[in-house]
PDB file of N, CA and C in Angstrom:
ATOM      1  N   MET A   1      10.284  15.564   4.850  1.00  0.00           N
ATOM      2  CA  MET A   1       9.268  14.837   4.111  1.00  0.00           C
ATOM      3  C   MET A   1       9.938  13.668   3.401  1.00  0.00           C
ATOM      4  N   ALA A   2       9.336  12.496   3.552  1.00  0.00           N
ATOM      5  CA  ALA A   2       9.890  11.279   2.966  1.00  0.00           C
ATOM      6  C   ALA A   2       9.476  11.143   1.498  1.00  0.00           C
ATOM      7  N   LYS A   3      10.309  10.487   0.746  1.00  0.00           N
ATOM      8  CA  LYS A   3       9.984  10.134  -0.650  1.00  0.00           C
ATOM      9  C   LYS A   3       9.280   8.783  -0.649  1.00  0.00           C
ATOM     10  N   ILE A   4       8.243   8.664  -1.440  1.00  0.00           N
ATOM     11  CA  ILE A   4       7.528   7.391  -1.568  1.00  0.00           C
ATOM     12  C   ILE A   4       7.809   6.781  -2.912  1.00  0.00           C
ATOM     13  N   ARG A   5       8.252   5.522  -2.882  1.00  0.00           N
ATOM     14  CA  ARG A   5       8.481   4.754  -4.141  1.00  0.00           C
ATOM     15  C   ARG A   5       7.497   3.593  -4.147  1.00  0.00           C
ATOM     16  N   TRP A   6       6.847   3.406  -5.295  1.00  0.00           N
ATOM     17  CA  TRP A   6       5.971   2.272  -5.505  1.00  0.00           C
ATOM     18  C   TRP A   6       6.770   1.168  -6.175  1.00  0.00           C
ATOM     19  N   THR A   7       6.803  -0.004  -5.576  1.00  0.00           N
ATOM     20  CA  THR A   7       7.494  -1.135  -6.213  1.00  0.00           C
ATOM     21  C   THR A   7       6.650  -1.569  -7.436  1.00  0.00           C
ATOM     22  N   ASP A   8       7.286  -2.295  -8.337  1.00  0.00           N
ATOM     23  CA  ASP A   8       6.570  -2.826  -9.495  1.00  0.00           C
ATOM     24  C   ASP A   8       5.413  -3.721  -9.046  1.00  0.00           C
ATOM     25  N   GLU A   9       5.662  -4.477  -7.985  1.00  0.00           N
ATOM     26  CA  GLU A   9       4.650  -5.392  -7.472  1.00  0.00           C
ATOM     27  C   GLU A   9       3.449  -4.599  -6.946  1.00  0.00           C
ATOM     28  N   ALA A  10       3.672  -3.510  -6.234  1.00  0.00           N
ATOM     29  CA  ALA A  10       2.591  -2.698  -5.711  1.00  0.00           C
ATOM     30  C   ALA A  10       1.788  -2.063  -6.837  1.00  0.00           C
ATOM     31  N   GLU A  11       2.470  -1.589  -7.854  1.00  0.00           N
ATOM     32  CA  GLU A  11       1.776  -0.990  -8.992  1.00  0.00           C
ATOM     33  C   GLU A  11       0.922  -2.047  -9.703  1.00  0.00           C
ATOM     34  N   LYS A  12       1.423  -3.274  -9.792  1.00  0.00           N
ATOM     35  CA  LYS A  12       0.668  -4.357 -10.410  1.00  0.00           C
ATOM     36  C   LYS A  12      -0.591  -4.653  -9.614  1.00  0.00           C
ATOM     37  N   TRP A  13      -0.457  -4.735  -8.286  1.00  0.00           N
ATOM     38  CA  TRP A  13      -1.611  -4.997  -7.434  1.00  0.00           C
ATOM     39  C   TRP A  13      -2.677  -3.897  -7.605  1.00  0.00           C
ATOM     40  N   LEU A  14      -2.217  -2.646  -7.662  1.00  0.00           N
ATOM     41  CA  LEU A  14      -3.144  -1.515  -7.824  1.00  0.00           C
ATOM     42  C   LEU A  14      -3.900  -1.614  -9.162  1.00  0.00           C
ATOM     43  N   ARG A  15      -3.158  -1.960 -10.226  1.00  0.00           N
ATOM     44  CA  ARG A  15      -3.788  -2.149 -11.534  1.00  0.00           C
ATOM     45  C   ARG A  15      -4.795  -3.291 -11.506  1.00  0.00           C
ATOM     46  N   ASP A  16      -4.423  -4.386 -10.824  1.00  0.00           N
ATOM     47  CA  ASP A  16      -5.322  -5.553 -10.719  1.00  0.00           C
ATOM     48  C   ASP A  16      -6.615  -5.183  -9.974  1.00  0.00           C
ATOM     49  N   ILE A  17      -6.471  -4.416  -8.918  1.00  0.00           N
ATOM     50  CA  ILE A  17      -7.644  -3.952  -8.178  1.00  0.00           C
ATOM     51  C   ILE A  17      -8.522  -3.112  -9.097  1.00  0.00           C
ATOM     52  N   HIS A  18      -7.907  -2.198  -9.796  1.00  0.00           N
ATOM     53  CA  HIS A  18      -8.669  -1.351 -10.725  1.00  0.00           C
ATOM     54  C   HIS A  18      -9.388  -2.202 -11.744  1.00  0.00           C
ATOM     55  N   ASN A  19      -8.684  -3.107 -12.400  1.00  0.00           N
ATOM     56  CA  ASN A  19      -9.271  -3.910 -13.475  1.00  0.00           C
ATOM     57  C   ASN A  19     -10.419  -4.783 -12.948  1.00  0.00           C
ATOM     58  N   TYR A  20     -10.258  -5.330 -11.782  1.00  0.00           N
ATOM     59  CA  TYR A  20     -11.316  -6.185 -11.200  1.00  0.00           C
ATOM     60  C   TYR A  20     -12.576  -5.377 -10.933  1.00  0.00           C
ATOM     61  N   ILE A  21     -12.449  -4.233 -10.277  1.00  0.00           N
ATOM     62  CA  ILE A  21     -13.620  -3.408  -9.964  1.00  0.00           C
ATOM     63  C   ILE A  21     -14.222  -2.805 -11.240  1.00  0.00           C
ATOM     64  N   ALA A  22     -13.360  -2.427 -12.196  1.00  0.00           N
ATOM     65  CA  ALA A  22     -13.833  -1.798 -13.443  1.00  0.00           C
ATOM     66  C   ALA A  22     -14.704  -2.708 -14.270  1.00  0.00           C
ATOM     67  N   GLN A  23     -14.611  -4.010 -14.069  1.00  0.00           N
ATOM     68  CA  GLN A  23     -15.488  -4.924 -14.805  1.00  0.00           C
ATOM     69  C   GLN A  23     -16.976  -4.582 -14.555  1.00  0.00           C
ATOM     70  N   ASP A  24     -17.284  -4.164 -13.333  1.00  0.00           N
ATOM     71  CA  ASP A  24     -18.654  -3.818 -12.972  1.00  0.00           C
ATOM     72  C   ASP A  24     -18.906  -2.331 -12.892  1.00  0.00           C
ATOM     73  N   ASN A  25     -17.850  -1.560 -12.532  1.00  0.00           N
ATOM     74  CA  ASN A  25     -18.082  -0.129 -12.308  1.00  0.00           C
ATOM     75  C   ASN A  25     -16.771   0.625 -12.525  1.00  0.00           C
ATOM     76  N   PRO A  26     -16.503   1.082 -13.732  1.00  0.00           N
ATOM     77  CA  PRO A  26     -15.266   1.810 -14.028  1.00  0.00           C
ATOM     78  C   PRO A  26     -15.084   3.088 -13.205  1.00  0.00           C
ATOM     79  N   THR A  27     -16.141   3.767 -12.935  1.00  0.00           N
ATOM     80  CA  THR A  27     -16.049   5.009 -12.130  1.00  0.00           C
ATOM     81  C   THR A  27     -15.600   4.696 -10.714  1.00  0.00           C
ATOM     82  N   ALA A  28     -16.209   3.680 -10.115  1.00  0.00           N
ATOM     83  CA  ALA A  28     -15.824   3.282  -8.762  1.00  0.00           C
ATOM     84  C   ALA A  28     -14.381   2.788  -8.735  1.00  0.00           C
ATOM     85  N   ALA A  29     -13.965   2.081  -9.758  1.00  0.00           N
ATOM     86  CA  ALA A  29     -12.603   1.575  -9.831  1.00  0.00           C
ATOM     87  C   ALA A  29     -11.586   2.741  -9.756  1.00  0.00           C
ATOM     88  N   GLN A  30     -11.846   3.748 -10.565  1.00  0.00           N
ATOM     89  CA  GLN A  30     -10.948   4.934 -10.575  1.00  0.00           C
ATOM     90  C   GLN A  30     -10.934   5.627  -9.228  1.00  0.00           C
ATOM     91  N   LYS A  31     -12.106   5.765  -8.593  1.00  0.00           N
ATOM     92  CA  LYS A  31     -12.185   6.431  -7.305  1.00  0.00           C
ATOM     93  C   LYS A  31     -11.420   5.666  -6.237  1.00  0.00           C
ATOM     94  N   ILE A  32     -11.581   4.366  -6.213  1.00  0.00           N
ATOM     95  CA  ILE A  32     -10.900   3.543  -5.186  1.00  0.00           C
ATOM     96  C   ILE A  32      -9.404   3.606  -5.377  1.00  0.00           C
ATOM     97  N   VAL A  33      -8.919   3.419  -6.601  1.00  0.00           N
ATOM     98  CA  VAL A  33      -7.475   3.465  -6.864  1.00  0.00           C
ATOM     99  C   VAL A  33      -6.903   4.822  -6.492  1.00  0.00           C
ATOM    100  N   SER A  34      -7.599   5.872  -6.859  1.00  0.00           N
ATOM    101  CA  SER A  34      -7.147   7.242  -6.537  1.00  0.00           C
ATOM    102  C   SER A  34      -7.105   7.440  -5.023  1.00  0.00           C
ATOM    103  N   ALA A  35      -8.109   6.946  -4.314  1.00  0.00           N
ATOM    104  CA  ALA A  35      -8.166   7.092  -2.862  1.00  0.00           C
ATOM    105  C   ALA A  35      -7.048   6.305  -2.169  1.00  0.00           C
ATOM    106  N   ILE A  36      -6.756   5.116  -2.674  1.00  0.00           N
ATOM    107  CA  ILE A  36      -5.658   4.336  -2.106  1.00  0.00           C
ATOM    108  C   ILE A  36      -4.333   5.080  -2.305  1.00  0.00           C
ATOM    109  N   TYR A  37      -4.139   5.607  -3.512  1.00  0.00           N
ATOM    110  CA  TYR A  37      -2.934   6.398  -3.789  1.00  0.00           C
ATOM    111  C   TYR A  37      -2.834   7.605  -2.859  1.00  0.00           C
ATOM    112  N   GLU A  38      -3.927   8.318  -2.689  1.00  0.00           N
ATOM    113  CA  GLU A  38      -3.916   9.511  -1.820  1.00  0.00           C
ATOM    114  C   GLU A  38      -3.650   9.142  -0.374  1.00  0.00           C
ATOM    115  N   LYS A  39      -4.215   8.029   0.053  1.00  0.00           N
ATOM    116  CA  LYS A  39      -3.986   7.562   1.438  1.00  0.00           C
ATOM    117  C   LYS A  39      -2.497   7.303   1.651  1.00  0.00           C
ATOM    118  N   ALA A  40      -1.865   6.682   0.673  1.00  0.00           N
ATOM    119  CA  ALA A  40      -0.425   6.383   0.752  1.00  0.00           C
ATOM    120  C   ALA A  40       0.422   7.683   0.828  1.00  0.00           C
ATOM    121  N   GLN A  41      -0.090   8.743   0.255  1.00  0.00           N
ATOM    122  CA  GLN A  41       0.652  10.003   0.273  1.00  0.00           C
ATOM    123  C   GLN A  41       0.777  10.575   1.691  1.00  0.00           C
ATOM    124  N   LEU A  42      -0.097  10.162   2.606  1.00  0.00           N
ATOM    125  CA  LEU A  42       0.028  10.567   4.004  1.00  0.00           C
ATOM    126  C   LEU A  42       1.374  10.143   4.592  1.00  0.00           C
ATOM    127  N   LEU A  43       1.913   9.097   4.052  1.00  0.00           N
ATOM    128  CA  LEU A  43       3.189   8.554   4.586  1.00  0.00           C
ATOM    129  C   LEU A  43       4.334   9.512   4.423  1.00  0.00           C
ATOM    130  N   LYS A  44       4.270  10.415   3.483  1.00  0.00           N
ATOM    131  CA  LYS A  44       5.321  11.409   3.300  1.00  0.00           C
ATOM    132  C   LYS A  44       5.575  12.186   4.598  1.00  0.00           C
ATOM    133  N   ASN A  45       4.519  12.550   5.288  1.00  0.00           N
ATOM    134  CA  ASN A  45       4.651  13.351   6.497  1.00  0.00           C
ATOM    135  C   ASN A  45       4.457  12.548   7.776  1.00  0.00           C
ATOM    136  N   PHE A  46       3.785  11.399   7.656  1.00  0.00           N
ATOM    137  CA  PHE A  46       3.498  10.575   8.820  1.00  0.00           C
ATOM    138  C   PHE A  46       3.846   9.120   8.562  1.00  0.00           C
ATOM    139  N   PRO A  47       5.133   8.796   8.408  1.00  0.00           N
ATOM    140  CA  PRO A  47       5.529   7.428   7.997  1.00  0.00           C
ATOM    141  C   PRO A  47       5.132   6.337   9.007  1.00  0.00           C
ATOM    142  N   GLU A  48       4.932   6.676  10.245  1.00  0.00           N
ATOM    143  CA  GLU A  48       4.626   5.641  11.216  1.00  0.00           C
ATOM    144  C   GLU A  48       3.106   5.564  11.532  1.00  0.00           C
ATOM    145  N   ILE A  49       2.303   6.107  10.635  1.00  0.00           N
ATOM    146  CA  ILE A  49       0.849   6.137  10.857  1.00  0.00           C
ATOM    147  C   ILE A  49       0.245   4.741  10.821  1.00  0.00           C
ATOM    148  N   GLY A  50       0.837   3.847  10.032  1.00  0.00           N
ATOM    149  CA  GLY A  50       0.337   2.461   9.957  1.00  0.00           C
ATOM    150  C   GLY A  50       0.812   1.640  11.147  1.00  0.00           C
ATOM    151  N   TYR A  51       0.191   0.487  11.339  1.00  0.00           N
ATOM    152  CA  TYR A  51       0.618  -0.377  12.449  1.00  0.00           C
ATOM    153  C   TYR A  51       1.833  -1.220  12.023  1.00  0.00           C
ATOM    154  N   LYS A  52       2.685  -1.470  12.996  1.00  0.00           N
ATOM    155  CA  LYS A  52       3.916  -2.212  12.745  1.00  0.00           C
ATOM    156  C   LYS A  52       3.559  -3.701  12.467  1.00  0.00           C
ATOM    157  N   TYR A  53       4.058  -4.196  11.360  1.00  0.00           N
ATOM    158  CA  TYR A  53       3.849  -5.586  10.965  1.00  0.00           C
ATOM    159  C   TYR A  53       5.053  -6.449  11.379  1.00  0.00           C
ATOM    160  N   LYS A  54       6.240  -6.002  10.983  1.00  0.00           N
ATOM    161  CA  LYS A  54       7.459  -6.688  11.409  1.00  0.00           C
ATOM    162  C   LYS A  54       8.685  -5.854  11.035  1.00  0.00           C
ATOM    163  N   THR A  55       9.789  -6.182  11.646  1.00  0.00           N
ATOM    164  CA  THR A  55      11.057  -5.520  11.371  1.00  0.00           C
ATOM    165  C   THR A  55      11.945  -6.454  10.578  1.00  0.00           C
ATOM    166  N   GLU A  56      12.499  -5.902   9.512  1.00  0.00           N
ATOM    167  CA  GLU A  56      13.435  -6.594   8.641  1.00  0.00           C
ATOM    168  C   GLU A  56      14.783  -5.858   8.636  1.00  0.00           C
ATOM    169  N   PRO A  57      15.842  -6.484   8.172  1.00  0.00           N
ATOM    170  CA  PRO A  57      17.134  -5.808   8.103  1.00  0.00           C
ATOM    171  C   PRO A  57      17.066  -4.516   7.286  1.00  0.00           C
ATOM    172  N   GLU A  58      16.186  -4.460   6.249  1.00  0.00           N
ATOM    173  CA  GLU A  58      16.079  -3.257   5.392  1.00  0.00           C
ATOM    174  C   GLU A  58      15.310  -2.153   6.089  1.00  0.00           C
ATOM    175  N   GLY A  59      14.519  -2.467   7.087  1.00  0.00           N
ATOM    176  CA  GLY A  59      13.707  -1.477   7.782  1.00  0.00           C
ATOM    177  C   GLY A  59      12.465  -2.066   8.366  1.00  0.00           C
ATOM    178  N   GLU A  60      11.526  -1.221   8.710  1.00  0.00           N
ATOM    179  CA  GLU A  60      10.310  -1.638   9.360  1.00  0.00           C
ATOM    180  C   GLU A  60       9.173  -1.707   8.343  1.00  0.00           C
ATOM    181  N   ILE A  61       8.473  -2.878   8.327  1.00  0.00           N
ATOM    182  CA  ILE A  61       7.307  -3.039   7.485  1.00  0.00           C
ATOM    183  C   ILE A  61       6.076  -2.675   8.307  1.00  0.00           C
ATOM    184  N   ARG A  62       5.265  -1.804   7.727  1.00  0.00           N
ATOM    185  CA  ARG A  62       4.041  -1.345   8.401  1.00  0.00           C
ATOM    186  C   ARG A  62       2.861  -1.516   7.448  1.00  0.00           C
ATOM    187  N   ILE A  63       1.665  -1.468   8.014  1.00  0.00           N
ATOM    188  CA  ILE A  63       0.433  -1.618   7.242  1.00  0.00           C
ATOM    189  C   ILE A  63      -0.459  -0.415   7.519  1.00  0.00           C
ATOM    190  N   LEU A  64      -0.884   0.228   6.435  1.00  0.00           N
ATOM    191  CA  LEU A  64      -1.803   1.366   6.501  1.00  0.00           C
ATOM    192  C   LEU A  64      -3.144   0.871   5.936  1.00  0.00           C
ATOM    193  N   LEU A  65      -4.213   1.122   6.679  1.00  0.00           N
ATOM    194  CA  LEU A  65      -5.531   0.651   6.268  1.00  0.00           C
ATOM    195  C   LEU A  65      -6.270   1.692   5.458  1.00  0.00           C
ATOM    196  N   TYR A  66      -6.960   1.221   4.421  1.00  0.00           N
ATOM    197  CA  TYR A  66      -7.891   2.066   3.673  1.00  0.00           C
ATOM    198  C   TYR A  66      -9.089   1.199   3.302  1.00  0.00           C
ATOM    199  N   GLY A  67     -10.202   1.431   3.935  1.00  0.00           N
ATOM    200  CA  GLY A  67     -11.410   0.619   3.659  1.00  0.00           C
ATOM    201  C   GLY A  67     -11.085  -0.869   3.827  1.00  0.00           C
ATOM    202  N   HIS A  68     -11.362  -1.641   2.779  1.00  0.00           N
ATOM    203  CA  HIS A  68     -11.120  -3.088   2.823  1.00  0.00           C
ATOM    204  C   HIS A  68      -9.687  -3.440   2.423  1.00  0.00           C
ATOM    205  N   TYR A  69      -8.858  -2.454   2.184  1.00  0.00           N
ATOM    206  CA  TYR A  69      -7.504  -2.702   1.679  1.00  0.00           C
ATOM    207  C   TYR A  69      -6.447  -2.379   2.705  1.00  0.00           C
ATOM    208  N   ARG A  70      -5.316  -3.074   2.571  1.00  0.00           N
ATOM    209  CA  ARG A  70      -4.153  -2.853   3.404  1.00  0.00           C
ATOM    210  C   ARG A  70      -2.996  -2.443   2.491  1.00  0.00           C
ATOM    211  N   ILE A  71      -2.371  -1.331   2.828  1.00  0.00           N
ATOM    212  CA  ILE A  71      -1.244  -0.834   2.080  1.00  0.00           C
ATOM    213  C   ILE A  71       0.000  -1.215   2.885  1.00  0.00           C
ATOM    214  N   ALA A  72       0.784  -2.160   2.326  1.00  0.00           N
ATOM    215  CA  ALA A  72       1.992  -2.610   3.026  1.00  0.00           C
ATOM    216  C   ALA A  72       3.168  -1.738   2.528  1.00  0.00           C
ATOM    217  N   TYR A  73       3.964  -1.254   3.505  1.00  0.00           N
ATOM    218  CA  TYR A  73       5.084  -0.401   3.126  1.00  0.00           C
ATOM    219  C   TYR A  73       6.288  -0.658   4.013  1.00  0.00           C
ATOM    220  N   LEU A  74       7.413  -0.282   3.507  1.00  0.00           N
ATOM    221  CA  LEU A  74       8.701  -0.454   4.193  1.00  0.00           C
ATOM    222  C   LEU A  74       9.290   0.914   4.427  1.00  0.00           C
ATOM    223  N   ILE A  75       9.569   1.211   5.686  1.00  0.00           N
ATOM    224  CA  ILE A  75      10.257   2.459   6.019  1.00  0.00           C
ATOM    225  C   ILE A  75      11.751   2.105   5.982  1.00  0.00           C
ATOM    226  N   ARG A  76      12.405   2.522   4.899  1.00  0.00           N
ATOM    227  CA  ARG A  76      13.861   2.262   4.769  1.00  0.00           C
ATOM    228  C   ARG A  76      14.669   3.176   5.670  1.00  0.00           C
ATOM    229  N   ASN A  77      14.265   4.445   5.710  1.00  0.00           N
ATOM    230  CA  ASN A  77      14.828   5.425   6.624  1.00  0.00           C
ATOM    231  C   ASN A  77      13.846   6.580   6.669  1.00  0.00           C
ATOM    232  N   LYS A  78      14.201   7.649   7.379  1.00  0.00           N
ATOM    233  CA  LYS A  78      13.218   8.739   7.534  1.00  0.00           C
ATOM    234  C   LYS A  78      12.928   9.475   6.231  1.00  0.00           C
ATOM    235  N   ASN A  79      13.735   9.237   5.209  1.00  0.00           N
ATOM    236  CA  ASN A  79      13.569   9.929   3.919  1.00  0.00           C
ATOM    237  C   ASN A  79      13.044   9.062   2.804  1.00  0.00           C
ATOM    238  N   LEU A  80      12.877   7.755   3.050  1.00  0.00           N
ATOM    239  CA  LEU A  80      12.497   6.846   1.970  1.00  0.00           C
ATOM    240  C   LEU A  80      11.555   5.749   2.406  1.00  0.00           C
ATOM    241  N   ILE A  81      10.406   5.642   1.703  1.00  0.00           N
ATOM    242  CA  ILE A  81       9.417   4.650   1.995  1.00  0.00           C
ATOM    243  C   ILE A  81       9.079   3.913   0.698  1.00  0.00           C
ATOM    244  N   ASP A  82       9.066   2.578   0.751  1.00  0.00           N
ATOM    245  CA  ASP A  82       8.712   1.759  -0.384  1.00  0.00           C
ATOM    246  C   ASP A  82       7.318   1.180  -0.144  1.00  0.00           C
ATOM    247  N   ILE A  83       6.401   1.404  -1.091  1.00  0.00           N
ATOM    248  CA  ILE A  83       5.094   0.746  -1.034  1.00  0.00           C
ATOM    249  C   ILE A  83       5.310  -0.657  -1.592  1.00  0.00           C
ATOM    250  N   LEU A  84       5.042  -1.680  -0.786  1.00  0.00           N
ATOM    251  CA  LEU A  84       5.319  -3.065  -1.171  1.00  0.00           C
ATOM    252  C   LEU A  84       4.154  -3.750  -1.865  1.00  0.00           C
ATOM    253  N   GLY A  85       2.950  -3.411  -1.452  1.00  0.00           N
ATOM    254  CA  GLY A  85       1.780  -4.048  -2.054  1.00  0.00           C
ATOM    255  C   GLY A  85       0.484  -3.502  -1.502  1.00  0.00           C
ATOM    256  N   ILE A  86      -0.589  -3.767  -2.215  1.00  0.00           N
ATOM    257  CA  ILE A  86      -1.952  -3.407  -1.769  1.00  0.00           C
ATOM    258  C   ILE A  86      -2.728  -4.673  -1.705  1.00  0.00           C
ATOM    259  N   PHE A  87      -3.260  -4.982  -0.527  1.00  0.00           N
ATOM    260  CA  PHE A  87      -3.916  -6.263  -0.292  1.00  0.00           C
ATOM    261  C   PHE A  87      -5.339  -6.059   0.190  1.00  0.00           C
ATOM    262  N   HIS A  88      -6.253  -6.855  -0.369  1.00  0.00           N
ATOM    263  CA  HIS A  88      -7.623  -6.857   0.185  1.00  0.00           C
ATOM    264  C   HIS A  88      -7.590  -7.463   1.572  1.00  0.00           C
ATOM    265  N   GLY A  89      -8.422  -6.985   2.445  1.00  0.00           N
ATOM    266  CA  GLY A  89      -8.449  -7.439   3.828  1.00  0.00           C
ATOM    267  C   GLY A  89      -8.701  -8.958   3.969  1.00  0.00           C
ATOM    268  N   ALA A  90      -9.376  -9.560   3.014  1.00  0.00           N
ATOM    269  CA  ALA A  90      -9.674 -11.009   3.079  1.00  0.00           C
ATOM    270  C   ALA A  90      -8.474 -11.869   2.715  1.00  0.00           C
ATOM    271  N   MET A  91      -7.447 -11.258   2.149  1.00  0.00           N
ATOM    272  CA  MET A  91      -6.268 -12.014   1.710  1.00  0.00           C
ATOM    273  C   MET A  91      -5.330 -12.311   2.906  1.00  0.00           C
ATOM    274  N   GLY A  92      -4.688 -13.463   2.845  1.00  0.00           N
ATOM    275  CA  GLY A  92      -3.675 -13.809   3.818  1.00  0.00           C
ATOM    276  C   GLY A  92      -2.366 -13.073   3.494  1.00  0.00           C
ATOM    277  N   ILE A  93      -2.138 -11.970   4.113  1.00  0.00           N
ATOM    278  CA  ILE A  93      -1.001 -11.127   3.788  1.00  0.00           C
ATOM    279  C   ILE A  93       0.342 -11.805   4.131  1.00  0.00           C
ATOM    280  N   ASP A  94       0.344 -12.709   5.057  1.00  0.00           N
ATOM    281  CA  ASP A  94       1.595 -13.374   5.473  1.00  0.00           C
ATOM    282  C   ASP A  94       2.269 -14.109   4.342  1.00  0.00           C
ATOM    283  N   ARG A  95       1.506 -14.664   3.431  1.00  0.00           N
ATOM    284  CA  ARG A  95       2.113 -15.436   2.364  1.00  0.00           C
ATOM    285  C   ARG A  95       2.828 -14.532   1.335  1.00  0.00           C
ATOM    286  N   TYR A  96       2.522 -13.257   1.355  1.00  0.00           N
ATOM    287  CA  TYR A  96       3.143 -12.299   0.417  1.00  0.00           C
ATOM    288  C   TYR A  96       4.276 -11.512   1.031  1.00  0.00           C
ATOM    289  N   LEU A  97       4.216 -11.294   2.333  1.00  0.00           N
ATOM    290  CA  LEU A  97       5.247 -10.511   3.029  1.00  0.00           C
ATOM    291  C   LEU A  97       6.058 -11.420   3.943  1.00  0.00           C
ATOM    292  N   ARG A  98       6.960 -12.132   3.372  1.00  0.00           N
ATOM    293  CA  ARG A  98       7.819 -13.042   4.169  1.00  0.00           C
ATOM    294  C   ARG A  98       9.175 -12.425   4.432  1.00  0.00           C
TER     295      ARG A  98
END
């Protein structure tokens, strides 16, 4: 089972998503953030479940989909996965994952 680490940047994106949705619906905001977090937990047992985005010297960057959101993560090795960011599907992910 792999360990999942959330980068500071990924945690910030998750907070921003929560805060944006909570302006209109605090209950929905909590549900969405919790569901994104739970979806990312699948990576512990199934690290290659997301589609391959690109390969870097540090490892393979993959994207896991949840609703309108994309969870970008880096497989450093079979025991360690870094969550890099959470992106809305309408965002140009390429400018953030260079």
